[in-house]
């Protein structure tokens, strides 16, 4: 598919990481979130990994609609479980995003090839995964007396752009 040039878009100079970041979604449930994250991957060159059973079919209309016409620009992989993901794509560094995190995601030094791992919308990441990698668990700061968590697609966007900001600054 030929990419359209939008006359209102200016291509800012930016140093994209090589290898690219990985966005890992563990058992996502809401197709629109995954579609939005796929679009984020297309915009940032990040690789999308879908792990475990999904709460939808990847070819569902809602997923495709949220990702618009960017799906061809997304490098996407499916993995039966997290162990299969690690075996197939061992990340340079890995950060598990959870409301259980005691360390801010701002306090991480991100590098090219890092994996940003997110859980499903209703349960987050499984406790056994968080317990297996406690040094990797981080949280996006928020006012917890007002909300339980952030939207998955928003969280992924916040995390990816903070990582890209740091990596670009280091370059």
N, C-alpha and C. Protein backbone atom coordinates (compact mmCIF):
# COMPACT_ATOMS: atom_id res chain seq x y z
N UNK A 1 0.84 -1.17 0.00
CA UNK A 1 0.00 0.00 0.00
C UNK A 1 0.89 1.24 0.00
N UNK A 2 0.61 2.14 -0.89
CA UNK A 2 1.38 3.38 -0.98
C UNK A 2 0.98 4.32 0.15
N UNK A 3 1.97 4.87 0.83
CA UNK A 3 1.71 5.82 1.91
C UNK A 3 1.33 7.16 1.32
N UNK A 4 0.28 7.74 1.87
CA UNK A 4 -0.14 9.06 1.43
C UNK A 4 0.69 10.11 2.14
N UNK A 5 0.99 11.18 1.43
CA UNK A 5 1.68 12.30 2.05
C UNK A 5 0.61 13.30 2.49
N UNK A 6 0.65 13.66 3.73
CA UNK A 6 -0.31 14.62 4.26
C UNK A 6 0.33 16.00 4.21
N UNK A 7 -0.32 16.92 3.55
CA UNK A 7 0.25 18.25 3.35
C UNK A 7 0.42 19.03 4.64
N UNK A 8 -0.25 18.65 5.72
CA UNK A 8 -0.14 19.37 6.98
C UNK A 8 0.88 18.73 7.91
N UNK A 9 1.53 17.69 7.49
CA UNK A 9 2.48 16.99 8.34
C UNK A 9 3.90 17.41 7.99
N UNK A 10 4.67 17.72 9.01
CA UNK A 10 6.08 18.03 8.84
C UNK A 10 6.88 16.90 9.48
N UNK A 11 7.79 16.31 8.75
CA UNK A 11 8.61 15.22 9.27
C UNK A 11 9.76 15.78 10.10
N UNK A 12 9.61 15.72 11.41
CA UNK A 12 10.64 16.20 12.31
C UNK A 12 11.87 15.30 12.25
N UNK A 13 13.05 15.89 12.31
CA UNK A 13 14.24 15.05 12.39
C UNK A 13 14.25 14.32 13.73
N UNK A 14 14.54 13.05 13.70
CA UNK A 14 14.50 12.25 14.92
C UNK A 14 15.39 11.04 14.72
N UNK A 15 16.09 10.63 15.76
CA UNK A 15 16.91 9.43 15.72
C UNK A 15 16.11 8.27 16.27
N UNK A 16 15.70 7.36 15.41
CA UNK A 16 14.91 6.21 15.82
C UNK A 16 15.84 5.11 16.30
N UNK A 17 15.46 4.39 17.36
CA UNK A 17 16.35 3.38 17.92
C UNK A 17 16.52 2.17 16.99
N UNK A 18 17.71 1.64 17.02
CA UNK A 18 18.01 0.40 16.30
C UNK A 18 18.82 -0.49 17.24
N UNK A 19 18.29 -1.63 17.61
CA UNK A 19 17.00 -2.19 17.21
C UNK A 19 15.83 -1.40 17.82
N UNK A 20 14.65 -1.55 17.22
CA UNK A 20 13.50 -0.80 17.71
C UNK A 20 13.01 -1.31 19.06
N UNK A 21 12.20 -0.49 19.70
CA UNK A 21 11.54 -0.92 20.94
C UNK A 21 10.53 -2.01 20.61
N UNK A 22 10.22 -2.81 21.61
CA UNK A 22 9.18 -3.83 21.48
C UNK A 22 8.05 -3.47 22.45
N UNK A 23 6.84 -3.52 21.96
CA UNK A 23 5.67 -3.37 22.82
C UNK A 23 5.06 -4.77 22.92
N UNK A 24 4.98 -5.26 24.15
CA UNK A 24 4.50 -6.61 24.39
C UNK A 24 3.18 -6.52 25.15
N UNK A 25 2.13 -7.05 24.55
CA UNK A 25 0.81 -7.06 25.19
C UNK A 25 0.50 -8.48 25.62
N UNK A 26 0.32 -8.68 26.92
CA UNK A 26 0.02 -10.00 27.46
C UNK A 26 -1.49 -10.12 27.66
N UNK A 27 -2.10 -10.98 26.85
CA UNK A 27 -3.53 -11.28 26.91
C UNK A 27 -4.42 -10.04 26.83
N UNK A 28 -4.21 -9.18 25.84
CA UNK A 28 -5.09 -8.01 25.71
C UNK A 28 -6.53 -8.45 25.43
N UNK A 29 -7.48 -7.65 25.90
CA UNK A 29 -8.90 -8.03 25.80
C UNK A 29 -9.72 -7.12 24.89
N UNK A 30 -9.33 -5.88 24.76
CA UNK A 30 -10.15 -4.90 24.03
C UNK A 30 -9.52 -4.62 22.67
N UNK A 31 -10.23 -4.97 21.60
CA UNK A 31 -9.63 -4.85 20.27
C UNK A 31 -9.21 -3.42 19.90
N UNK A 32 -9.97 -2.43 20.33
CA UNK A 32 -9.63 -1.05 19.98
C UNK A 32 -8.29 -0.64 20.58
N UNK A 33 -7.99 -1.10 21.80
CA UNK A 33 -6.69 -0.78 22.40
C UNK A 33 -5.56 -1.37 21.59
N UNK A 34 -5.69 -2.62 21.20
CA UNK A 34 -4.64 -3.26 20.41
C UNK A 34 -4.49 -2.57 19.06
N UNK A 35 -5.60 -2.18 18.44
CA UNK A 35 -5.53 -1.45 17.18
C UNK A 35 -4.82 -0.12 17.34
N UNK A 36 -5.13 0.60 18.41
CA UNK A 36 -4.46 1.88 18.66
C UNK A 36 -2.97 1.68 18.92
N UNK A 37 -2.62 0.63 19.63
CA UNK A 37 -1.21 0.34 19.91
C UNK A 37 -0.50 -0.07 18.62
N UNK A 38 -1.18 -0.78 17.75
CA UNK A 38 -0.59 -1.12 16.45
C UNK A 38 -0.28 0.15 15.66
N UNK A 39 -1.17 1.11 15.71
CA UNK A 39 -0.92 2.38 15.03
C UNK A 39 0.27 3.10 15.67
N UNK A 40 0.38 3.04 16.99
CA UNK A 40 1.54 3.59 17.69
C UNK A 40 2.82 2.92 17.20
N UNK A 41 2.78 1.60 17.04
CA UNK A 41 3.95 0.87 16.54
C UNK A 41 4.32 1.33 15.13
N UNK A 42 3.32 1.52 14.28
CA UNK A 42 3.59 1.99 12.92
C UNK A 42 4.23 3.38 12.95
N UNK A 43 3.77 4.23 13.86
CA UNK A 43 4.28 5.61 13.94
C UNK A 43 5.68 5.70 14.53
N UNK A 44 6.06 4.72 15.34
CA UNK A 44 7.34 4.79 16.04
C UNK A 44 8.34 3.72 15.61
N UNK A 45 7.92 2.83 14.71
CA UNK A 45 8.81 1.76 14.29
C UNK A 45 8.97 0.67 15.32
N UNK A 46 8.13 0.70 16.36
CA UNK A 46 8.20 -0.33 17.41
C UNK A 46 7.61 -1.64 16.90
N UNK A 47 8.06 -2.73 17.49
CA UNK A 47 7.60 -4.06 17.12
C UNK A 47 6.51 -4.48 18.10
N UNK A 48 5.42 -5.01 17.60
CA UNK A 48 4.29 -5.42 18.44
C UNK A 48 4.32 -6.94 18.65
N UNK A 49 4.26 -7.33 19.93
CA UNK A 49 4.20 -8.75 20.30
C UNK A 49 2.91 -8.98 21.06
N UNK A 50 2.09 -9.90 20.57
CA UNK A 50 0.85 -10.29 21.23
C UNK A 50 1.07 -11.65 21.87
N UNK A 51 0.88 -11.71 23.20
CA UNK A 51 1.23 -12.90 23.97
C UNK A 51 -0.02 -13.53 24.57
N UNK A 52 -0.12 -14.86 24.42
CA UNK A 52 -1.19 -15.61 25.06
C UNK A 52 -2.51 -15.46 24.35
N UNK A 53 -3.54 -15.99 24.96
CA UNK A 53 -4.85 -15.86 24.32
C UNK A 53 -5.30 -14.40 24.30
N UNK A 54 -5.92 -14.01 23.21
CA UNK A 54 -6.44 -12.65 23.07
C UNK A 54 -7.94 -12.67 23.32
N UNK A 55 -8.49 -11.56 23.74
CA UNK A 55 -9.93 -11.45 23.96
C UNK A 55 -10.68 -11.13 22.69
N UNK A 56 -10.05 -11.30 21.54
CA UNK A 56 -10.63 -10.95 20.24
C UNK A 56 -9.80 -11.63 19.15
N UNK A 57 -10.27 -11.56 17.93
CA UNK A 57 -9.51 -12.04 16.78
C UNK A 57 -8.79 -10.84 16.16
N UNK A 58 -7.54 -11.01 15.80
CA UNK A 58 -6.74 -9.90 15.26
C UNK A 58 -7.38 -9.32 14.00
N UNK A 59 -8.09 -10.12 13.26
CA UNK A 59 -8.69 -9.62 12.02
C UNK A 59 -10.07 -9.00 12.25
N UNK A 60 -10.53 -8.89 13.50
CA UNK A 60 -11.83 -8.28 13.78
C UNK A 60 -11.87 -6.84 13.28
N UNK A 61 -13.05 -6.44 12.89
CA UNK A 61 -13.26 -5.09 12.35
C UNK A 61 -12.81 -4.01 13.34
N UNK A 62 -13.11 -4.18 14.62
CA UNK A 62 -12.76 -3.16 15.62
C UNK A 62 -11.25 -2.98 15.72
N UNK A 63 -10.49 -4.07 15.62
CA UNK A 63 -9.03 -3.97 15.67
C UNK A 63 -8.53 -3.27 14.42
N UNK A 64 -9.01 -3.70 13.29
CA UNK A 64 -8.58 -3.12 12.02
C UNK A 64 -8.93 -1.64 11.95
N UNK A 65 -10.12 -1.29 12.41
CA UNK A 65 -10.56 0.10 12.36
C UNK A 65 -9.68 0.99 13.24
N UNK A 66 -9.37 0.54 14.44
CA UNK A 66 -8.54 1.34 15.35
C UNK A 66 -7.14 1.51 14.77
N UNK A 67 -6.63 0.51 14.07
CA UNK A 67 -5.30 0.60 13.47
C UNK A 67 -5.29 1.29 12.12
N UNK A 68 -6.49 1.64 11.63
CA UNK A 68 -6.67 2.29 10.34
C UNK A 68 -5.95 1.53 9.24
N UNK A 69 -5.33 2.25 8.34
CA UNK A 69 -4.65 1.60 7.22
C UNK A 69 -3.15 1.43 7.47
N UNK A 70 -2.78 1.35 8.74
CA UNK A 70 -1.37 1.26 9.11
C UNK A 70 -0.90 -0.16 9.37
N UNK A 71 -1.79 -1.14 9.30
CA UNK A 71 -1.42 -2.51 9.67
C UNK A 71 -0.25 -3.05 8.85
N UNK A 72 -0.16 -2.67 7.60
CA UNK A 72 0.94 -3.17 6.76
C UNK A 72 2.29 -2.64 7.23
N UNK A 73 2.28 -1.55 8.00
CA UNK A 73 3.51 -0.95 8.49
C UNK A 73 3.92 -1.49 9.86
N UNK A 74 3.15 -2.44 10.39
CA UNK A 74 3.40 -2.97 11.73
C UNK A 74 4.09 -4.33 11.64
N UNK A 75 5.23 -4.43 12.32
CA UNK A 75 5.89 -5.73 12.46
C UNK A 75 5.29 -6.37 13.70
N UNK A 76 4.52 -7.44 13.50
CA UNK A 76 3.77 -8.04 14.60
C UNK A 76 4.05 -9.53 14.70
N UNK A 77 4.14 -10.01 15.95
CA UNK A 77 4.37 -11.42 16.22
C UNK A 77 3.37 -11.89 17.26
N UNK A 78 2.98 -13.16 17.14
CA UNK A 78 2.11 -13.81 18.13
C UNK A 78 2.92 -14.86 18.88
N UNK A 79 2.67 -14.97 20.19
CA UNK A 79 3.36 -15.94 21.02
C UNK A 79 2.33 -16.62 21.91
N UNK A 80 2.44 -17.91 22.09
CA UNK A 80 1.47 -18.67 22.85
C UNK A 80 1.48 -18.29 24.34
N UNK A 81 2.67 -17.95 24.86
CA UNK A 81 2.77 -17.51 26.26
C UNK A 81 4.03 -16.66 26.41
N UNK A 82 4.27 -16.16 27.62
CA UNK A 82 5.39 -15.26 27.83
C UNK A 82 6.73 -15.98 27.67
N UNK A 83 6.81 -17.21 28.10
CA UNK A 83 8.05 -17.98 27.94
C UNK A 83 8.39 -18.13 26.45
N UNK A 84 7.38 -18.35 25.63
CA UNK A 84 7.60 -18.47 24.18
C UNK A 84 8.08 -17.14 23.61
N UNK A 85 7.53 -16.03 24.10
CA UNK A 85 8.00 -14.71 23.67
C UNK A 85 9.48 -14.55 24.00
N UNK A 86 9.86 -14.82 25.25
CA UNK A 86 11.25 -14.66 25.67
C UNK A 86 12.20 -15.55 24.87
N UNK A 87 11.75 -16.76 24.56
CA UNK A 87 12.58 -17.68 23.79
C UNK A 87 12.77 -17.19 22.36
N UNK A 88 11.71 -16.62 21.78
CA UNK A 88 11.76 -16.19 20.39
C UNK A 88 12.42 -14.82 20.23
N UNK A 89 12.21 -13.94 21.18
CA UNK A 89 12.67 -12.55 21.07
C UNK A 89 13.27 -12.06 22.38
N UNK A 90 14.38 -12.59 22.83
CA UNK A 90 14.93 -12.12 24.10
C UNK A 90 15.25 -10.62 24.01
N UNK A 91 14.63 -9.81 24.86
CA UNK A 91 14.83 -8.36 24.77
C UNK A 91 16.17 -7.93 25.37
N UNK A 92 16.63 -6.77 24.93
CA UNK A 92 17.85 -6.19 25.51
C UNK A 92 17.60 -5.85 26.96
N UNK A 93 16.50 -5.22 27.23
CA UNK A 93 16.05 -4.88 28.57
C UNK A 93 14.55 -5.05 28.59
N UNK A 94 13.97 -5.17 29.77
CA UNK A 94 12.53 -5.44 29.83
C UNK A 94 11.94 -4.68 31.01
N UNK A 95 10.81 -4.05 30.76
CA UNK A 95 10.11 -3.30 31.80
C UNK A 95 8.64 -3.70 31.80
N UNK A 96 8.19 -4.16 32.98
CA UNK A 96 6.81 -4.61 33.15
C UNK A 96 6.02 -3.48 33.78
N UNK A 97 5.02 -2.99 33.08
CA UNK A 97 4.23 -1.86 33.56
C UNK A 97 3.05 -2.37 34.37
N UNK A 98 2.97 -1.89 35.62
CA UNK A 98 1.94 -2.38 36.53
C UNK A 98 1.65 -1.33 37.59
N UNK A 99 0.40 -1.29 38.03
CA UNK A 99 0.05 -0.41 39.15
C UNK A 99 0.71 -0.92 40.44
N UNK A 100 1.22 -2.14 40.40
CA UNK A 100 1.93 -2.72 41.54
C UNK A 100 3.38 -2.24 41.63
N UNK A 101 3.86 -1.59 40.60
CA UNK A 101 5.24 -1.14 40.57
C UNK A 101 5.55 -0.13 41.65
N UNK A 102 6.70 -0.29 42.27
CA UNK A 102 7.15 0.64 43.32
C UNK A 102 8.18 1.63 42.79
N UNK A 103 8.54 1.49 41.52
CA UNK A 103 9.51 2.38 40.88
C UNK A 103 8.84 3.06 39.70
N UNK A 104 9.08 4.36 39.56
CA UNK A 104 8.50 5.12 38.45
C UNK A 104 9.18 4.74 37.13
N UNK A 105 8.41 4.70 36.08
CA UNK A 105 8.98 4.43 34.76
C UNK A 105 9.89 5.56 34.31
N UNK A 106 9.81 6.73 34.95
CA UNK A 106 10.73 7.84 34.66
C UNK A 106 12.14 7.53 35.17
N UNK A 107 12.26 6.63 36.13
CA UNK A 107 13.55 6.32 36.75
C UNK A 107 14.31 5.18 36.05
N UNK A 108 13.90 4.87 34.85
CA UNK A 108 14.51 3.79 34.07
C UNK A 108 15.39 4.41 32.99
N UNK A 109 16.50 3.77 32.69
CA UNK A 109 17.34 4.17 31.56
C UNK A 109 17.02 3.23 30.40
N UNK A 110 16.26 3.74 29.44
CA UNK A 110 15.83 2.93 28.30
C UNK A 110 16.91 2.89 27.23
N UNK A 111 16.93 1.78 26.49
CA UNK A 111 17.92 1.57 25.43
C UNK A 111 17.24 0.94 24.21
N UNK A 112 17.84 1.08 23.03
CA UNK A 112 17.29 0.42 21.86
C UNK A 112 17.09 -1.08 22.11
N UNK A 113 16.01 -1.61 21.62
CA UNK A 113 15.70 -3.03 21.76
C UNK A 113 14.98 -3.40 23.04
N UNK A 114 14.76 -2.43 23.93
CA UNK A 114 14.04 -2.73 25.17
C UNK A 114 12.60 -3.15 24.88
N UNK A 115 12.07 -3.98 25.78
CA UNK A 115 10.68 -4.43 25.68
C UNK A 115 9.87 -3.73 26.77
N UNK A 116 8.75 -3.16 26.37
CA UNK A 116 7.81 -2.53 27.28
C UNK A 116 6.60 -3.46 27.34
N UNK A 117 6.37 -4.05 28.51
CA UNK A 117 5.40 -5.15 28.65
C UNK A 117 4.18 -4.66 29.42
N UNK A 118 3.01 -4.93 28.86
CA UNK A 118 1.74 -4.50 29.45
C UNK A 118 0.79 -5.68 29.57
N UNK A 119 -0.04 -5.66 30.60
CA UNK A 119 -1.02 -6.72 30.81
C UNK A 119 -2.38 -6.37 30.22
N UNK A 120 -3.32 -7.26 30.46
CA UNK A 120 -4.66 -7.06 29.93
C UNK A 120 -5.37 -5.92 30.68
N UNK A 121 -6.41 -5.43 30.07
CA UNK A 121 -7.10 -4.25 30.56
C UNK A 121 -7.77 -4.45 31.92
N UNK A 122 -8.28 -5.63 32.21
CA UNK A 122 -9.03 -5.81 33.45
C UNK A 122 -8.19 -6.34 34.61
N UNK A 123 -7.10 -7.05 34.32
CA UNK A 123 -6.32 -7.67 35.39
C UNK A 123 -4.87 -7.23 35.43
N UNK A 124 -4.39 -6.58 34.40
CA UNK A 124 -2.98 -6.23 34.33
C UNK A 124 -2.13 -7.46 34.08
N UNK A 125 -0.87 -7.36 34.42
CA UNK A 125 0.04 -8.51 34.25
C UNK A 125 -0.20 -9.53 35.35
N UNK A 126 -0.04 -10.81 35.03
CA UNK A 126 -0.22 -11.86 36.04
C UNK A 126 0.79 -11.72 37.18
N UNK A 127 0.36 -12.02 38.40
CA UNK A 127 1.24 -11.93 39.57
C UNK A 127 2.48 -12.78 39.40
N UNK A 128 2.36 -13.98 38.81
CA UNK A 128 3.53 -14.85 38.65
C UNK A 128 4.59 -14.21 37.75
N UNK A 129 4.17 -13.43 36.78
CA UNK A 129 5.12 -12.73 35.92
C UNK A 129 5.78 -11.57 36.68
N UNK A 130 4.99 -10.81 37.42
CA UNK A 130 5.54 -9.72 38.23
C UNK A 130 6.49 -10.25 39.30
N UNK A 131 6.13 -11.39 39.90
CA UNK A 131 6.98 -12.00 40.93
C UNK A 131 8.28 -12.55 40.35
N UNK A 132 8.23 -13.00 39.10
CA UNK A 132 9.42 -13.58 38.47
C UNK A 132 10.45 -12.51 38.09
N UNK A 133 10.00 -11.28 37.86
CA UNK A 133 10.90 -10.21 37.42
C UNK A 133 10.67 -8.94 38.25
N UNK A 134 10.81 -9.00 39.57
CA UNK A 134 10.48 -7.83 40.40
C UNK A 134 11.33 -6.60 40.09
N UNK A 135 12.57 -6.82 39.65
CA UNK A 135 13.45 -5.69 39.34
C UNK A 135 13.03 -4.96 38.07
N UNK A 136 12.11 -5.55 37.31
CA UNK A 136 11.67 -4.97 36.04
C UNK A 136 10.33 -4.25 36.12
N UNK A 137 9.69 -4.31 37.28
CA UNK A 137 8.33 -3.76 37.41
C UNK A 137 8.40 -2.26 37.65
N UNK A 138 7.68 -1.52 36.82
CA UNK A 138 7.61 -0.06 36.93
C UNK A 138 6.16 0.40 36.84
N UNK A 139 5.94 1.63 37.24
CA UNK A 139 4.59 2.20 37.22
C UNK A 139 4.64 3.60 36.62
N UNK A 140 3.59 3.95 35.92
CA UNK A 140 3.40 5.32 35.45
C UNK A 140 2.71 6.07 36.59
N UNK A 141 3.32 7.15 37.10
CA UNK A 141 2.70 7.85 38.23
C UNK A 141 1.31 8.36 37.89
N UNK A 142 0.43 8.24 38.85
CA UNK A 142 -0.94 8.77 38.71
C UNK A 142 -1.52 8.99 40.09
N UNK A 143 -2.58 9.73 40.15
CA UNK A 143 -3.26 10.00 41.40
C UNK A 143 -4.20 8.82 41.70
N UNK A 144 -3.72 7.89 42.49
CA UNK A 144 -4.45 6.64 42.70
C UNK A 144 -5.71 6.79 43.52
N UNK A 145 -5.87 7.88 44.21
CA UNK A 145 -7.13 8.07 44.94
C UNK A 145 -8.27 8.43 43.97
N UNK A 146 -7.91 8.73 42.72
CA UNK A 146 -8.92 9.12 41.74
C UNK A 146 -9.21 8.04 40.70
N UNK A 147 -8.19 7.25 40.35
CA UNK A 147 -8.37 6.20 39.34
C UNK A 147 -7.58 4.96 39.73
N UNK A 148 -8.01 3.79 39.23
CA UNK A 148 -7.29 2.54 39.49
C UNK A 148 -6.13 2.35 38.53
N UNK A 149 -6.33 2.78 37.29
CA UNK A 149 -5.29 2.56 36.28
C UNK A 149 -5.57 3.45 35.08
N UNK A 150 -4.60 3.48 34.19
CA UNK A 150 -4.74 4.21 32.93
C UNK A 150 -5.19 3.25 31.83
N UNK A 151 -5.72 3.78 30.77
CA UNK A 151 -6.08 3.00 29.59
C UNK A 151 -4.82 2.35 29.00
N UNK A 152 -4.94 1.13 28.54
CA UNK A 152 -3.81 0.38 28.01
C UNK A 152 -3.12 1.10 26.86
N UNK A 153 -3.89 1.58 25.89
CA UNK A 153 -3.28 2.26 24.75
C UNK A 153 -2.60 3.55 25.18
N UNK A 154 -3.20 4.26 26.12
CA UNK A 154 -2.57 5.48 26.63
C UNK A 154 -1.27 5.15 27.36
N UNK A 155 -1.30 4.11 28.17
CA UNK A 155 -0.09 3.70 28.91
C UNK A 155 1.04 3.34 27.95
N UNK A 156 0.72 2.59 26.92
CA UNK A 156 1.74 2.20 25.95
C UNK A 156 2.32 3.44 25.26
N UNK A 157 1.46 4.38 24.91
CA UNK A 157 1.93 5.60 24.26
C UNK A 157 2.84 6.41 25.17
N UNK A 158 2.43 6.58 26.41
CA UNK A 158 3.24 7.32 27.38
C UNK A 158 4.61 6.67 27.51
N UNK A 159 4.62 5.36 27.68
CA UNK A 159 5.88 4.63 27.90
C UNK A 159 6.78 4.67 26.67
N UNK A 160 6.22 4.45 25.50
CA UNK A 160 7.04 4.43 24.28
C UNK A 160 7.69 5.79 24.06
N UNK A 161 6.93 6.85 24.22
CA UNK A 161 7.51 8.16 23.94
C UNK A 161 8.51 8.61 25.00
N UNK A 162 8.35 8.18 26.24
CA UNK A 162 9.39 8.46 27.24
C UNK A 162 10.66 7.70 26.88
N UNK A 163 10.53 6.44 26.50
CA UNK A 163 11.70 5.66 26.10
C UNK A 163 12.36 6.28 24.87
N UNK A 164 11.58 6.68 23.89
CA UNK A 164 12.14 7.30 22.68
C UNK A 164 12.83 8.62 23.01
N UNK A 165 12.24 9.40 23.91
CA UNK A 165 12.84 10.67 24.31
C UNK A 165 14.22 10.43 24.91
N UNK A 166 14.30 9.46 25.81
CA UNK A 166 15.59 9.16 26.44
C UNK A 166 16.61 8.64 25.43
N UNK A 167 16.18 7.72 24.60
CA UNK A 167 17.10 7.11 23.62
C UNK A 167 17.60 8.18 22.63
N UNK A 168 16.72 9.04 22.18
CA UNK A 168 17.09 10.10 21.24
C UNK A 168 18.07 11.07 21.89
N UNK A 169 17.86 11.36 23.17
CA UNK A 169 18.73 12.27 23.89
C UNK A 169 20.13 11.67 24.07
N UNK A 170 20.19 10.34 24.21
CA UNK A 170 21.46 9.66 24.39
C UNK A 170 22.26 9.58 23.10
N UNK A 171 21.55 9.63 21.98
CA UNK A 171 22.20 9.43 20.67
C UNK A 171 23.11 10.58 20.29
